[in-house]
Amino acid sequence: MDFVRQTIAASVLVALSLWIQCAGMAALIDRGLAYLAREQRLSLFHSTALIVRVTTLMIGLHIAQILGWAAFYRWMCFPGWGSAFYFSTTSYSTVGYGDLVLPATWRNLGPVEAVTGVLMCGLSVSLLFAIVTRLVDQAVGSSPKSGRVDERGINLPPTQRPH
């Protein structure tokens, strides 16, 4: 019976994490694409500000997920929020100091949270990578020397492409 309870709890918590991460990323992508579509080329300051804002919002998404797990730990495992949040943070980030452990009934949730945290951090990194790639493409595409060359190694204007 304990395994069934753990499986149900883990499934709900993983689904909650996925919904938080995916909804947050979808909102960021939607707003980011609209912002980038309005701008021809972002200045160094605006590019930096965009990356800082997105990174800050991503960290907020991770904290929201950690709080979801911590709420469960507070309800079922630990007497206080401090311990629940601390355990959740160390598990989600895969640090796992081991100075605080779950009761035997819920012990399998720690590794599940760790795997979830790794996957959610990977999603965040992929979005940040996509944004940086888009910024570089915009910078290269709007520069006089686009960096594009034809099959003979001759520089092409930004609008001309090899056939």
Protein backbone atom coordinates (compact mmCIF):
# COMPACT_ATOMS: atom_id res chain seq x y z
CA MET A 1 0.00 0.00 0.00
CA ASP A 2 2.89 2.38 0.72
CA PHE A 3 4.26 1.91 -2.79
CA VAL A 4 0.88 2.81 -4.33
CA ARG A 5 0.66 5.98 -2.19
CA GLN A 6 4.21 6.95 -3.14
CA THR A 7 3.52 6.34 -6.82
CA ILE A 8 0.36 8.44 -6.76
CA ALA A 9 2.07 11.25 -4.84
CA ALA A 10 5.08 11.18 -7.16
CA SER A 11 2.85 11.21 -10.26
CA VAL A 12 0.88 14.21 -9.00
CA LEU A 13 4.00 16.14 -7.98
CA VAL A 14 5.81 15.42 -11.27
CA ALA A 15 2.70 16.44 -13.24
CA LEU A 16 2.47 19.65 -11.20
CA SER A 17 6.13 20.41 -11.92
CA LEU A 18 5.63 19.77 -15.62
CA TRP A 19 2.58 22.04 -15.77
CA ILE A 20 4.36 24.86 -13.95
CA GLN A 21 7.46 24.59 -16.14
CA CYS A 22 5.65 24.14 -19.46
CA ALA A 23 3.05 26.85 -18.84
CA GLY A 24 5.75 29.26 -17.73
CA MET A 25 7.96 28.47 -20.69
CA ALA A 26 5.03 28.77 -23.12
CA ALA A 27 4.21 32.21 -21.72
CA LEU A 28 7.86 33.28 -21.96
CA ILE A 29 8.13 31.97 -25.53
CA ASP A 30 4.94 33.75 -26.55
CA ARG A 31 6.01 37.08 -25.04
CA GLY A 32 9.60 36.64 -26.19
CA LEU A 33 8.67 36.00 -29.80
CA ALA A 34 6.38 39.02 -29.82
CA TYR A 35 9.17 41.16 -28.33
CA LEU A 36 11.82 39.91 -30.75
CA ALA A 37 9.46 40.38 -33.72
CA ARG A 38 9.06 44.09 -32.83
CA GLU A 39 12.79 44.70 -32.59
CA GLN A 40 15.04 44.79 -35.64
CA ARG A 41 18.20 44.29 -33.61
CA LEU A 42 18.60 44.55 -29.86
CA SER A 43 21.38 46.64 -28.39
CA LEU A 44 23.91 45.04 -26.06
CA PHE A 45 22.03 46.46 -23.07
CA HIS A 46 18.62 45.23 -24.28
CA SER A 47 20.00 41.77 -25.11
CA THR A 48 21.53 41.55 -21.65
CA ALA A 49 18.33 42.74 -20.00
CA LEU A 50 16.29 40.19 -21.95
CA ILE A 51 18.54 37.31 -20.87
CA VAL A 52 18.51 38.50 -17.25
CA ARG A 53 14.70 38.80 -17.24
CA VAL A 54 14.17 35.37 -18.77
CA THR A 55 16.69 33.77 -16.40
CA THR A 56 15.04 35.43 -13.40
CA LEU A 57 11.61 34.21 -14.49
CA MET A 58 12.99 30.70 -15.02
CA ILE A 59 14.40 30.71 -11.49
CA GLY A 60 10.95 31.77 -10.31
CA LEU A 61 9.44 28.77 -12.09
CA HIS A 62 11.91 26.46 -10.35
CA ILE A 63 11.15 28.00 -6.97
CA ALA A 64 7.42 27.51 -7.61
CA GLN A 65 8.06 23.83 -8.31
CA ILE A 66 10.24 23.48 -5.22
CA LEU A 67 7.45 25.05 -3.18
CA GLY A 68 4.97 22.52 -4.58
CA TRP A 69 7.15 19.64 -3.45
CA ALA A 70 7.86 21.40 -0.14
CA ALA A 71 4.14 21.79 0.51
CA PHE A 72 3.72 18.04 0.18
CA TYR A 73 6.71 17.39 2.45
CA ARG A 74 5.32 19.85 5.01
CA TRP A 75 1.95 18.13 4.91
CA MET A 76 3.20 14.54 5.08
CA CYS A 77 6.81 14.48 6.29
CA PHE A 78 8.19 17.46 8.21
CA PRO A 79 6.86 19.55 11.10
CA GLY A 80 7.99 22.91 9.67
CA TRP A 81 8.24 24.79 6.39
CA GLY A 82 11.95 25.44 6.83
CA SER A 83 12.81 21.75 6.83
CA ALA A 84 10.39 20.99 4.00
CA PHE A 85 11.73 23.79 1.79
CA TYR A 86 15.35 22.93 2.59
CA PHE A 87 14.86 19.24 1.80
CA SER A 88 12.97 20.05 -1.40
CA THR A 89 15.63 22.50 -2.56
CA THR A 90 18.49 20.08 -1.96
CA SER A 91 16.61 17.27 -3.68
CA TYR A 92 15.43 19.33 -6.67
CA SER A 93 18.93 20.68 -7.24
CA THR A 94 20.43 17.19 -6.73
CA VAL A 95 22.75 18.49 -3.98
CA GLY A 96 21.16 16.09 -1.47
CA TYR A 97 23.28 16.76 1.62
CA GLY A 98 21.69 13.86 3.51
CA ASP A 99 21.47 15.77 6.77
CA LEU A 100 17.68 15.65 6.52
CA VAL A 101 15.88 12.56 5.25
CA LEU A 102 12.29 11.67 4.49
CA PRO A 103 10.43 9.15 6.62
CA ALA A 104 10.76 5.60 5.28
CA THR A 105 7.20 5.72 3.93
CA TRP A 106 8.08 8.57 1.54
CA ARG A 107 11.78 7.96 0.95
CA ASN A 108 11.39 7.26 -2.79
CA LEU A 109 10.13 10.79 -3.46
CA GLY A 110 13.58 12.36 -2.97
CA PRO A 111 15.13 10.71 -6.05
CA VAL A 112 11.99 11.37 -8.09
CA GLU A 113 12.21 15.06 -7.24
CA ALA A 114 15.92 15.05 -8.17
CA VAL A 115 15.24 13.56 -11.61
CA THR A 116 12.39 16.04 -12.11
CA GLY A 117 14.66 18.93 -11.14
CA VAL A 118 17.34 17.86 -13.59
CA LEU A 119 14.82 17.60 -16.43
CA MET A 120 13.20 20.96 -15.62
CA CYS A 121 16.61 22.66 -15.44
CA GLY A 122 17.40 21.12 -18.82
CA LEU A 123 14.23 22.64 -20.27
CA SER A 124 15.22 26.03 -18.87
CA VAL A 125 18.70 25.81 -20.35
CA SER A 126 17.27 24.84 -23.74
CA LEU A 127 15.07 27.95 -23.79
CA LEU A 128 17.95 30.19 -22.76
CA PHE A 129 20.09 28.62 -25.47
CA ALA A 130 17.36 29.23 -28.05
CA ILE A 131 17.10 32.88 -27.01
CA VAL A 132 20.85 33.44 -27.20
CA THR A 133 20.93 31.72 -30.60
CA ARG A 134 18.12 33.99 -31.82
CA LEU A 135 19.94 37.08 -30.55
CA VAL A 136 23.15 36.02 -32.30
CA ASP A 137 21.26 35.28 -35.51
CA GLN A 138 19.63 38.72 -35.38
CA ALA A 139 22.97 40.40 -34.76
CA VAL A 140 24.69 38.54 -37.58
CA GLY A 141 21.76 38.90 -39.97
CA SER A 142 21.55 42.66 -39.51
CA SER A 143 25.27 43.36 -39.73
CA PRO A 144 26.83 44.57 -43.00
CA LYS A 145 28.99 41.46 -43.11
CA SER A 146 26.57 38.69 -42.48
CA GLY A 147 29.21 36.02 -42.24
CA ARG A 148 27.55 34.05 -45.05
CA VAL A 149 29.68 32.80 -47.88
CA ASP A 150 28.96 31.02 -51.11
CA GLU A 151 30.58 27.77 -52.24
CA ARG A 152 33.69 29.70 -53.39
CA GLY A 153 34.14 31.40 -50.00
CA ILE A 154 32.96 34.84 -51.22
CA ASN A 155 30.99 36.96 -48.73
CA LEU A 156 27.32 37.31 -49.58
CA PRO A 157 25.09 40.27 -48.71
CA PRO A 158 22.58 39.52 -45.91
CA THR A 159 19.68 39.10 -48.34
CA GLN A 160 21.42 36.93 -50.94
CA ARG A 161 21.65 33.20 -50.34
CA PRO A 162 23.43 30.51 -52.35
CA HIS A 163 21.28 28.41 -54.68
